[in-house]
N, C-alpha and C. Protein backbone atom coordinates (compact mmCIF):
# COMPACT_ATOMS: atom_id res chain seq x y z
N UNK A 1 -1.10 -18.39 -34.16
CA UNK A 1 -0.71 -18.07 -32.81
C UNK A 1 -2.43 -19.33 -32.65
N UNK A 2 -1.50 -20.32 -31.89
CA UNK A 2 -2.69 -21.64 -31.76
C UNK A 2 -3.65 -20.96 -31.18
N UNK A 3 -5.01 -22.10 -31.00
CA UNK A 3 -6.13 -21.74 -29.64
C UNK A 3 -5.65 -21.50 -28.23
N UNK A 4 -4.63 -23.38 -28.12
CA UNK A 4 -4.60 -22.91 -26.89
C UNK A 4 -3.53 -21.63 -26.66
N UNK A 5 -2.47 -20.59 -26.72
CA UNK A 5 -1.96 -19.52 -27.35
C UNK A 5 -3.02 -18.84 -26.36
N UNK A 6 -3.94 -18.12 -27.03
CA UNK A 6 -4.98 -17.45 -27.10
C UNK A 6 -5.15 -17.33 -25.77
N UNK A 7 -6.13 -18.97 -25.28
CA UNK A 7 -6.48 -19.16 -24.13
C UNK A 7 -5.09 -18.59 -23.22
N UNK A 8 -4.45 -18.84 -23.29
CA UNK A 8 -3.39 -18.69 -22.37
C UNK A 8 -2.38 -17.14 -21.94
N UNK A 9 -2.90 -16.49 -23.22
CA UNK A 9 -3.01 -14.66 -23.72
C UNK A 9 -4.13 -14.28 -22.32
N UNK A 10 -4.85 -14.74 -22.43
CA UNK A 10 -6.51 -14.86 -21.44
C UNK A 10 -6.10 -14.55 -20.65
N UNK A 11 -6.11 -15.58 -20.25
CA UNK A 11 -5.21 -16.16 -19.01
C UNK A 11 -4.32 -15.01 -18.53
N UNK A 12 -3.67 -14.76 -18.99
CA UNK A 12 -2.14 -13.76 -17.95
C UNK A 12 -3.50 -12.37 -17.89
N UNK A 13 -3.69 -11.97 -18.97
CA UNK A 13 -5.01 -10.83 -18.20
C UNK A 13 -5.71 -10.71 -17.99
N UNK A 14 -6.70 -12.23 -17.54
CA UNK A 14 -7.45 -12.22 -15.82
C UNK A 14 -6.17 -11.92 -15.24
N UNK A 15 -5.11 -12.57 -14.83
CA UNK A 15 -4.64 -12.45 -13.69
C UNK A 15 -4.19 -11.22 -13.64
N UNK A 16 -3.93 -10.32 -15.21
CA UNK A 16 -3.87 -8.72 -14.58
C UNK A 16 -4.38 -8.07 -13.56
N UNK A 17 -5.92 -8.70 -14.57
CA UNK A 17 -7.31 -7.64 -13.68
C UNK A 17 -7.03 -7.73 -12.05
N UNK A 18 -6.70 -9.54 -11.86
CA UNK A 18 -7.48 -10.22 -10.96
C UNK A 18 -5.95 -9.29 -9.92
N UNK A 19 -5.32 -8.31 -10.18
CA UNK A 19 -3.49 -8.50 -9.48
C UNK A 19 -4.33 -6.34 -9.57
N UNK A 20 -4.82 -5.62 -10.72
CA UNK A 20 -5.32 -4.17 -10.03
C UNK A 20 -6.55 -4.80 -9.21
N UNK A 21 -7.31 -5.43 -9.23
CA UNK A 21 -8.20 -4.94 -8.35
C UNK A 21 -7.74 -5.32 -7.28
N UNK A 22 -7.14 -6.44 -6.69
CA UNK A 22 -7.02 -6.36 -5.65
C UNK A 22 -5.90 -5.27 -5.02
N UNK A 23 -5.08 -4.37 -6.14
CA UNK A 23 -4.80 -3.42 -5.09
C UNK A 23 -5.61 -1.92 -5.30
N UNK A 24 -6.76 -2.04 -6.32
CA UNK A 24 -7.82 -0.95 -5.56
C UNK A 24 -8.50 -1.60 -4.71
N UNK A 25 -8.67 -1.98 -4.15
CA UNK A 25 -8.84 -2.96 -2.96
C UNK A 25 -7.85 -2.53 -1.65
N UNK A 26 -6.54 -3.06 -2.17
CA UNK A 26 -5.65 -2.44 -1.35
C UNK A 26 -5.62 -1.10 -0.67
N UNK A 27 -5.30 0.12 -1.86
CA UNK A 27 -5.62 1.23 -1.62
C UNK A 27 -7.33 2.21 -0.65
N UNK A 28 -8.00 1.11 -1.15
CA UNK A 28 -9.91 1.82 -0.40
C UNK A 28 -8.67 1.38 1.20
N UNK A 29 -8.21 -0.34 1.37
CA UNK A 29 -8.19 -0.30 2.77
C UNK A 29 -7.60 0.38 2.94
N UNK A 30 -6.10 1.17 3.16
CA UNK A 30 -5.33 1.68 3.48
C UNK A 30 -6.10 3.17 3.72
N UNK A 31 -7.10 3.57 2.36
CA UNK A 31 -7.43 5.10 3.15
C UNK A 31 -8.68 4.59 4.16
N UNK A 32 -9.10 3.49 4.44
CA UNK A 32 -10.06 2.88 5.55
C UNK A 32 -8.88 3.37 7.30
N UNK A 33 -7.73 2.95 6.48
CA UNK A 33 -7.01 2.50 7.82
C UNK A 33 -6.94 3.95 8.00
N UNK A 34 -6.80 5.33 7.33
CA UNK A 34 -6.10 6.23 7.17
C UNK A 34 -6.99 7.32 7.75
N UNK A 35 -8.71 6.94 7.59
CA UNK A 35 -9.92 7.85 8.50
C UNK A 35 -9.59 7.22 9.56
N UNK A 36 -9.00 5.67 10.72
CA UNK A 36 -9.49 4.77 11.60
C UNK A 36 -8.28 5.44 12.39
N UNK A 37 -7.41 6.18 12.23
CA UNK A 37 -5.97 5.90 12.56
C UNK A 37 -6.49 7.80 12.95
N UNK A 38 -6.74 8.60 12.22
CA UNK A 38 -7.43 9.74 12.31
C UNK A 38 -8.72 10.06 13.69
N UNK A 39 -9.70 9.46 13.39
CA UNK A 39 -10.44 9.21 14.31
C UNK A 39 -10.26 8.59 16.20
N UNK A 40 -8.92 7.59 15.64
CA UNK A 40 -8.28 6.78 16.91
C UNK A 40 -9.28 5.60 17.22
N UNK A 41 -9.89 5.03 16.54
CA UNK A 41 -10.58 3.85 16.46
C UNK A 41 -10.48 2.86 16.54
N UNK A 42 -9.48 2.06 17.15
CA UNK A 42 -9.22 1.17 17.49
C UNK A 42 -9.48 -0.35 17.03
N UNK A 43 -11.13 -0.76 17.24
CA UNK A 43 -11.15 -1.71 17.45
C UNK A 43 -11.45 -2.28 15.49
N UNK A 44 -11.91 -0.80 14.81
CA UNK A 44 -11.55 -0.62 13.08
C UNK A 44 -11.11 -1.11 12.69
N UNK A 45 -9.81 -0.72 13.18
CA UNK A 45 -8.15 -0.91 12.31
C UNK A 45 -7.65 -1.99 12.66
N UNK A 46 -7.73 -2.78 14.04
CA UNK A 46 -7.10 -3.39 13.73
C UNK A 46 -7.96 -4.40 12.51
N UNK A 47 -9.25 -5.25 12.40
CA UNK A 47 -10.29 -5.11 11.50
C UNK A 47 -9.85 -4.87 10.19
N UNK A 48 -8.53 -3.58 9.83
CA UNK A 48 -8.87 -2.58 8.93
C UNK A 48 -7.27 -3.94 7.91
N UNK A 49 -6.33 -3.64 9.27
CA UNK A 49 -5.16 -3.75 9.29
C UNK A 49 -4.98 -5.16 8.36
N UNK A 50 -6.06 -6.74 9.26
CA UNK A 50 -5.77 -7.23 8.59
C UNK A 50 -6.11 -7.97 7.39
N UNK A 51 -8.08 -6.71 6.75
CA UNK A 51 -8.03 -7.51 5.83
C UNK A 51 -6.67 -6.38 4.85
N UNK A 52 -6.18 -5.74 4.86
CA UNK A 52 -4.87 -5.15 3.79
C UNK A 52 -4.10 -6.54 3.82
N UNK A 53 -3.21 -6.88 5.12
CA UNK A 53 -2.59 -8.53 5.57
C UNK A 53 -3.55 -9.19 4.38
N UNK A 54 -4.26 -9.07 4.16
CA UNK A 54 -4.83 -10.48 3.72
C UNK A 54 -5.20 -10.01 1.53
N UNK A 55 -4.90 -8.76 1.28
CA UNK A 55 -4.40 -8.55 0.03
C UNK A 55 -3.57 -8.54 -0.43
N UNK A 56 -2.27 -7.88 0.54
CA UNK A 56 -0.76 -8.09 0.28
C UNK A 56 -0.48 -9.98 0.13
N UNK A 57 -0.70 -10.32 0.99
CA UNK A 57 -0.97 -12.31 0.20
C UNK A 57 -1.50 -12.55 -0.97
N UNK A 58 -2.53 -11.88 -1.02
CA UNK A 58 -3.01 -12.32 -2.29
C UNK A 58 -2.98 -11.41 -3.36
N UNK A 59 -1.76 -10.67 -2.36
CA UNK A 59 -0.91 -9.83 -4.38
C UNK A 59 -0.26 -10.33 -4.53
N UNK A 60 0.72 -10.66 -3.43
CA UNK A 60 1.64 -12.06 -3.50
C UNK A 60 1.57 -13.45 -4.57
N UNK A 61 0.14 -13.76 -3.82
CA UNK A 61 -0.13 -15.35 -4.83
C UNK A 61 -0.05 -14.89 -6.14
N UNK A 62 -0.98 -13.38 -6.45
CA UNK A 62 -1.29 -13.48 -7.94
C UNK A 62 -0.26 -13.36 -8.82
N UNK A 63 0.63 -13.15 -8.56
CA UNK A 63 2.19 -12.16 -9.18
C UNK A 63 2.75 -13.72 -9.14
N UNK A 64 3.42 -14.51 -8.16
CA UNK A 64 3.71 -15.82 -9.09
C UNK A 64 2.77 -16.50 -9.49
N UNK A 65 1.50 -16.92 -9.44
CA UNK A 65 0.82 -17.01 -10.69
C UNK A 65 1.85 -16.06 -12.30
N UNK A 66 1.11 -14.95 -12.20
CA UNK A 66 1.32 -14.35 -12.55
C UNK A 66 3.25 -14.86 -13.43
N UNK A 67 3.81 -14.75 -13.17
CA UNK A 67 5.79 -15.21 -13.07
C UNK A 67 5.82 -16.95 -14.02
N UNK A 68 3.59 -17.42 -13.24
CA UNK A 68 4.22 -18.64 -13.48
C UNK A 68 4.09 -19.37 -15.56
N UNK A 69 2.45 -18.37 -15.49
CA UNK A 69 2.44 -18.31 -16.56
C UNK A 69 3.33 -17.52 -18.00
N UNK A 70 4.12 -16.68 -17.17
CA UNK A 70 4.96 -15.93 -18.50
C UNK A 70 6.11 -17.10 -18.12
N UNK A 71 6.63 -17.32 -17.54
CA UNK A 71 7.36 -18.72 -17.58
C UNK A 71 6.84 -19.82 -18.70
N UNK A 72 5.76 -20.41 -18.13
CA UNK A 72 5.11 -20.82 -19.16
C UNK A 72 4.82 -20.44 -20.69
N UNK A 73 4.36 -19.35 -21.25
CA UNK A 73 4.22 -18.98 -22.26
C UNK A 73 6.04 -18.82 -22.64
N UNK A 74 6.73 -18.77 -22.33
CA UNK A 74 8.09 -18.04 -22.58
C UNK A 74 9.12 -19.05 -23.23
N UNK A 75 8.32 -20.27 -22.54
CA UNK A 75 8.82 -22.28 -22.58
C UNK A 75 7.50 -22.27 -24.54
N UNK A 76 6.83 -21.73 -24.50
CA UNK A 76 5.91 -22.37 -25.30
C UNK A 76 6.29 -21.15 -26.66
N UNK A 77 6.58 -20.33 -27.01
CA UNK A 77 6.56 -19.12 -28.25
C UNK A 77 8.28 -19.25 -28.71
N UNK A 78 8.65 -19.34 -27.36
CA UNK A 78 10.16 -18.75 -27.27
C UNK A 78 11.33 -19.77 -26.89
N UNK A 79 11.09 -21.49 -26.56
CA UNK A 79 11.72 -22.28 -26.16
C UNK A 79 12.70 -22.27 -24.63
N UNK A 80 12.15 -21.25 -24.41
CA UNK A 80 13.51 -20.53 -23.12
C UNK A 80 12.35 -21.33 -22.11
N UNK A 81 13.22 -21.87 -20.58
CA UNK A 81 12.31 -21.73 -19.73
C UNK A 81 12.34 -21.15 -18.50
N UNK A 82 13.35 -20.18 -18.52
CA UNK A 82 13.68 -19.33 -17.44
C UNK A 82 13.54 -17.79 -18.97
N UNK A 83 13.32 -16.75 -18.09
CA UNK A 83 13.49 -15.63 -18.72
C UNK A 83 13.30 -13.98 -17.43
N UNK A 84 13.41 -12.70 -18.37
CA UNK A 84 13.42 -11.78 -17.49
C UNK A 84 12.26 -11.59 -17.24
N UNK A 85 11.23 -12.99 -17.04
CA UNK A 85 9.54 -11.83 -17.08
C UNK A 85 8.75 -11.39 -18.13
N UNK A 86 8.16 -10.80 -18.14
CA UNK A 86 7.13 -9.39 -18.99
C UNK A 86 8.07 -9.53 -19.99
N UNK A 87 9.38 -8.71 -20.05
CA UNK A 87 9.68 -7.95 -20.84
C UNK A 87 10.24 -8.64 -21.57
N UNK A 88 10.99 -10.19 -21.47
CA UNK A 88 11.11 -11.37 -22.19
C UNK A 88 10.03 -11.98 -23.36
N UNK A 89 9.34 -11.87 -22.75
CA UNK A 89 8.09 -11.99 -23.18
C UNK A 89 7.78 -11.90 -24.51
N UNK A 90 7.97 -10.49 -24.10
CA UNK A 90 7.10 -9.25 -24.45
C UNK A 90 7.10 -9.06 -26.67
N UNK A 91 8.93 -9.19 -26.82
CA UNK A 91 8.58 -9.28 -28.40
C UNK A 91 7.88 -10.70 -29.00
N UNK A 92 7.51 -11.10 -28.37
CA UNK A 92 6.72 -12.42 -28.51
C UNK A 92 5.74 -12.61 -28.80
N UNK A 93 5.16 -11.70 -28.13
CA UNK A 93 3.80 -11.07 -27.67
C UNK A 93 3.34 -10.92 -29.24
N UNK A 94 1.47 -10.91 -30.26
CA UNK A 94 1.23 -9.80 -31.46
C UNK A 94 0.76 -8.45 -30.52
N UNK A 95 0.72 -7.80 -31.27
CA UNK A 95 0.81 -6.15 -30.92
C UNK A 95 -1.03 -5.63 -29.58
N UNK A 96 -1.55 -6.30 -30.05
CA UNK A 96 -2.73 -6.61 -29.05
C UNK A 96 -2.06 -7.54 -28.00
N UNK A 97 -1.52 -8.10 -27.63
CA UNK A 97 -0.66 -8.68 -26.25
C UNK A 97 0.37 -7.64 -25.58
N UNK A 98 1.23 -6.45 -26.28
CA UNK A 98 1.67 -6.24 -26.25
C UNK A 98 0.87 -5.06 -25.59
N UNK A 99 -0.01 -4.49 -25.58
CA UNK A 99 -0.74 -3.96 -25.61
C UNK A 99 -1.47 -3.62 -24.26
N UNK A 100 -1.36 -5.11 -23.90
CA UNK A 100 -2.00 -5.78 -22.79
C UNK A 100 -1.34 -4.89 -21.98
N UNK A 101 0.20 -5.63 -21.94
CA UNK A 101 0.82 -5.94 -20.59
C UNK A 101 1.53 -4.28 -20.97
N UNK A 102 1.10 -3.37 -22.18
CA UNK A 102 2.12 -2.12 -21.35
C UNK A 102 0.80 -0.85 -20.64
N UNK A 103 -0.13 -1.35 -20.81
CA UNK A 103 -2.24 -1.08 -20.11
C UNK A 103 -1.80 -1.78 -18.40
N UNK A 104 -1.07 -2.92 -18.41
CA UNK A 104 -1.25 -2.70 -17.63
C UNK A 104 0.60 -2.37 -16.35
N UNK A 105 1.44 -2.60 -17.32
CA UNK A 105 2.52 -1.98 -16.66
C UNK A 105 2.70 -0.58 -16.11
N UNK A 106 1.72 0.32 -16.86
CA UNK A 106 1.42 0.96 -17.01
C UNK A 106 0.31 1.06 -15.48
N UNK A 107 -0.42 1.41 -15.48
CA UNK A 107 -1.64 1.29 -14.50
C UNK A 107 -0.65 0.54 -13.16
N UNK A 108 -0.33 -0.79 -13.15
CA UNK A 108 0.05 -1.13 -11.65
C UNK A 108 1.64 0.16 -10.93
N UNK A 109 2.36 0.02 -12.48
CA UNK A 109 2.65 1.70 -11.84
C UNK A 109 2.15 2.73 -11.02
N UNK A 110 0.85 3.44 -11.10
CA UNK A 110 0.10 4.41 -10.99
C UNK A 110 -0.19 3.42 -9.10
N UNK A 111 -0.89 2.41 -9.45
CA UNK A 111 -1.59 1.71 -8.18
C UNK A 111 -0.16 1.49 -7.73
N UNK A 112 0.74 1.43 -7.75
CA UNK A 112 1.83 1.08 -6.90
C UNK A 112 1.97 2.66 -6.10
N UNK A 113 2.17 3.54 -7.18
CA UNK A 113 2.44 5.07 -6.47
C UNK A 113 1.41 5.75 -5.45
N UNK A 114 -0.37 4.62 -5.40
CA UNK A 114 -1.38 5.54 -4.72
C UNK A 114 -0.55 4.82 -3.79
N UNK A 115 -0.56 3.49 -3.36
CA UNK A 115 -0.34 2.44 -2.25
C UNK A 115 0.75 3.07 -1.71
N UNK A 116 1.65 3.51 -2.60
CA UNK A 116 3.21 4.23 -1.85
C UNK A 116 2.67 5.61 -0.64
N UNK A 117 2.22 6.82 -1.97
CA UNK A 117 1.22 7.74 -0.61
C UNK A 117 0.73 7.25 0.20
N UNK A 118 -0.18 6.55 0.27
CA UNK A 118 -1.54 5.73 1.58
C UNK A 118 -0.70 5.35 2.30
N UNK A 119 0.20 4.36 2.58
CA UNK A 119 0.97 4.65 3.53
C UNK A 119 2.92 5.65 4.42
N UNK A 120 2.66 6.69 3.58
CA UNK A 120 3.23 7.52 4.52
C UNK A 120 2.46 8.21 4.73
N UNK A 121 1.09 8.55 4.49
CA UNK A 121 -0.21 9.23 5.74
C UNK A 121 0.14 8.27 6.33
N UNK A 122 -0.43 7.23 6.01
CA UNK A 122 -0.68 6.36 7.57
C UNK A 122 0.18 6.60 8.59
N UNK A 123 1.52 6.20 7.80
CA UNK A 123 3.16 6.27 9.04
C UNK A 123 2.84 7.15 9.26
N UNK A 124 2.51 8.76 9.38
CA UNK A 124 2.86 10.33 9.44
C UNK A 124 1.33 10.09 11.13
N UNK A 125 0.05 9.58 10.44
CA UNK A 125 -1.08 9.29 11.22
C UNK A 125 -0.10 8.63 12.37
N UNK A 126 -0.10 7.37 12.34
CA UNK A 126 0.88 6.51 13.23
C UNK A 126 1.09 7.04 14.36
N UNK A 127 2.34 7.80 13.10
CA UNK A 127 2.93 8.13 14.60
C UNK A 127 2.63 9.73 15.41
N UNK A 128 1.47 10.06 15.14
CA UNK A 128 0.91 11.07 15.18
C UNK A 128 0.05 10.53 16.42
N UNK A 129 -0.74 9.76 16.26
CA UNK A 129 -1.23 9.06 17.55
C UNK A 129 -0.52 7.99 18.49
N UNK A 130 0.37 7.87 18.32
CA UNK A 130 1.69 7.19 18.70
C UNK A 130 1.59 8.15 20.24
N UNK A 131 2.43 8.67 19.33
CA UNK A 131 2.31 10.36 20.08
C UNK A 131 1.75 10.57 21.15
N UNK A 132 0.51 11.13 20.64
CA UNK A 132 -0.87 11.48 21.34
C UNK A 132 -1.15 10.65 22.80
N UNK A 133 -0.67 8.87 22.58
CA UNK A 133 -1.17 8.21 23.71
C UNK A 133 0.42 8.01 24.43
N UNK A 134 1.37 8.44 24.20
CA UNK A 134 2.27 8.83 24.98
C UNK A 134 2.07 9.78 25.64
N UNK A 135 2.12 11.54 25.23
CA UNK A 135 1.83 12.09 26.03
C UNK A 135 0.51 11.95 27.54
N UNK A 136 -0.83 11.06 26.98
CA UNK A 136 -1.58 10.57 27.87
C UNK A 136 -0.95 9.98 28.72
N UNK A 137 -0.36 8.76 28.01
CA UNK A 137 0.94 8.02 29.54
C UNK A 137 1.84 8.56 31.09
N UNK A 138 1.63 9.16 29.79
CA UNK A 138 2.70 10.55 31.00
C UNK A 138 1.59 10.73 31.82
N UNK A 139 1.47 11.72 31.60
CA UNK A 139 0.05 12.44 32.30
C UNK A 139 -0.65 12.08 33.28
N UNK A 140 -0.78 10.41 32.76
CA UNK A 140 -1.08 9.38 33.88
C UNK A 140 -0.47 9.22 34.83
N UNK A 141 0.91 8.99 34.64
CA UNK A 141 2.01 8.23 35.39
C UNK A 141 2.62 9.29 36.18
N UNK A 142 2.35 10.31 35.74
CA UNK A 142 3.51 11.71 36.27
C UNK A 142 2.16 12.62 35.74
N UNK A 143 1.10 12.74 37.50
CA UNK A 143 0.46 13.48 36.99
C UNK A 143 0.42 15.11 37.39
N UNK A 144 2.12 15.26 38.37
CA UNK A 144 2.58 16.50 38.92
C UNK A 144 3.01 16.43 38.15
N UNK A 145 3.53 17.09 37.07
CA UNK A 145 4.31 17.65 36.14
C UNK A 145 3.50 18.81 35.78
N UNK A 146 4.63 20.10 35.78
CA UNK A 146 4.43 21.05 36.30
C UNK A 146 3.93 22.33 34.79
N UNK A 147 5.31 21.64 33.96
CA UNK A 147 5.47 21.76 32.29
C UNK A 147 4.99 21.35 31.26
N UNK A 148 3.93 20.44 31.47
CA UNK A 148 2.92 19.47 30.10
C UNK A 148 2.83 20.23 29.28
N UNK A 149 3.58 19.84 28.45
CA UNK A 149 3.30 20.02 27.67
C UNK A 149 2.67 18.81 25.98
N UNK A 150 2.89 20.03 24.82
CA UNK A 150 1.45 19.35 23.61
C UNK A 150 1.93 19.31 22.71
N UNK A 151 2.00 18.31 22.38
CA UNK A 151 2.44 17.92 20.90
C UNK A 151 1.31 18.11 19.99
N UNK A 152 2.26 18.49 18.64
CA UNK A 152 1.78 18.55 17.32
C UNK A 152 2.82 19.11 16.51
N UNK A 153 2.64 17.92 15.55
CA UNK A 153 3.40 17.35 14.62
C UNK A 153 5.56 17.87 14.84
N UNK A 154 5.82 17.61 16.40
CA UNK A 154 6.69 17.10 16.43
C UNK A 154 6.69 17.93 17.60
N UNK A 155 6.18 19.38 16.92
CA UNK A 155 6.78 20.92 18.23
C UNK A 155 5.77 20.81 19.53
N UNK A 156 6.14 21.23 20.19
CA UNK A 156 5.82 20.89 21.60
C UNK A 156 5.65 22.95 22.36
N UNK A 157 4.37 22.48 23.01
CA UNK A 157 4.25 24.38 23.55
C UNK A 157 3.98 23.49 24.96
N UNK A 158 4.51 24.94 25.51
CA UNK A 158 3.83 24.31 27.08
C UNK A 158 2.60 25.09 27.45
N UNK A 159 2.15 24.70 28.90
CA UNK A 159 0.09 24.58 28.97
C UNK A 159 1.15 25.73 30.50
N UNK A 160 1.66 25.97 30.36
CA UNK A 160 2.31 26.01 31.78
C UNK A 160 2.44 27.92 31.27
N UNK A 161 1.89 28.56 32.28
CA UNK A 161 1.12 30.03 32.49
C UNK A 161 2.35 30.78 32.32
N UNK A 162 2.41 31.39 31.59
CA UNK A 162 3.30 32.63 31.46
C UNK A 162 2.38 34.18 31.65
N UNK A 163 3.84 34.83 32.80
CA UNK A 163 3.58 36.51 33.09
C UNK A 163 4.12 38.06 32.65
N UNK A 164 3.35 38.41 31.84
CA UNK A 164 4.57 39.11 31.63
C UNK A 164 4.45 40.69 32.63
N UNK A 165 5.55 41.14 32.76
CA UNK A 165 6.48 41.83 33.62
C UNK A 165 6.64 43.61 32.77
N UNK A 166 5.83 44.00 32.88
CA UNK A 166 5.54 45.73 31.96
C UNK A 166 6.05 47.11 33.62
N UNK A 167 7.15 47.05 33.34
CA UNK A 167 7.64 48.76 33.92
C UNK A 167 7.44 49.61 33.04
N UNK A 168 7.13 50.16 33.27
CA UNK A 168 7.40 52.27 32.89
C UNK A 168 8.41 53.19 32.89
């Protein structure tokens, strides 16, 4: 492998590291989003959602650059202009390049799973928060409702008094 190819592999590894860094930042932002959802803090929530959108945009841009770099390397080492991405490039790489790709794929898979779990958790918090707001609005709009119910996890509990009749 010549010097140019080593530099290209280093560039690819640098892109991998950038994507991993953005995913770690995304997870951190999702955790903050969760906190703001639990606490019902609207302004910080809006700011963190904007940060999340920015990170997602950055990840897509990095993925595009990785794809371009992989296509370039495939053309360089195998004479192919197109391929199946990293899996097509993999057999043409030296052992250290293959190890780098294996590590990247493993780390990325773990990070994507964390993002998925954080998104599911935040979706649940958002749904609960919206249900609470909806119930609060209902009380404000229709204050004469005698049998107002409090919701928790989709279950409603009546706040109306219960009387017991005991016969002896």
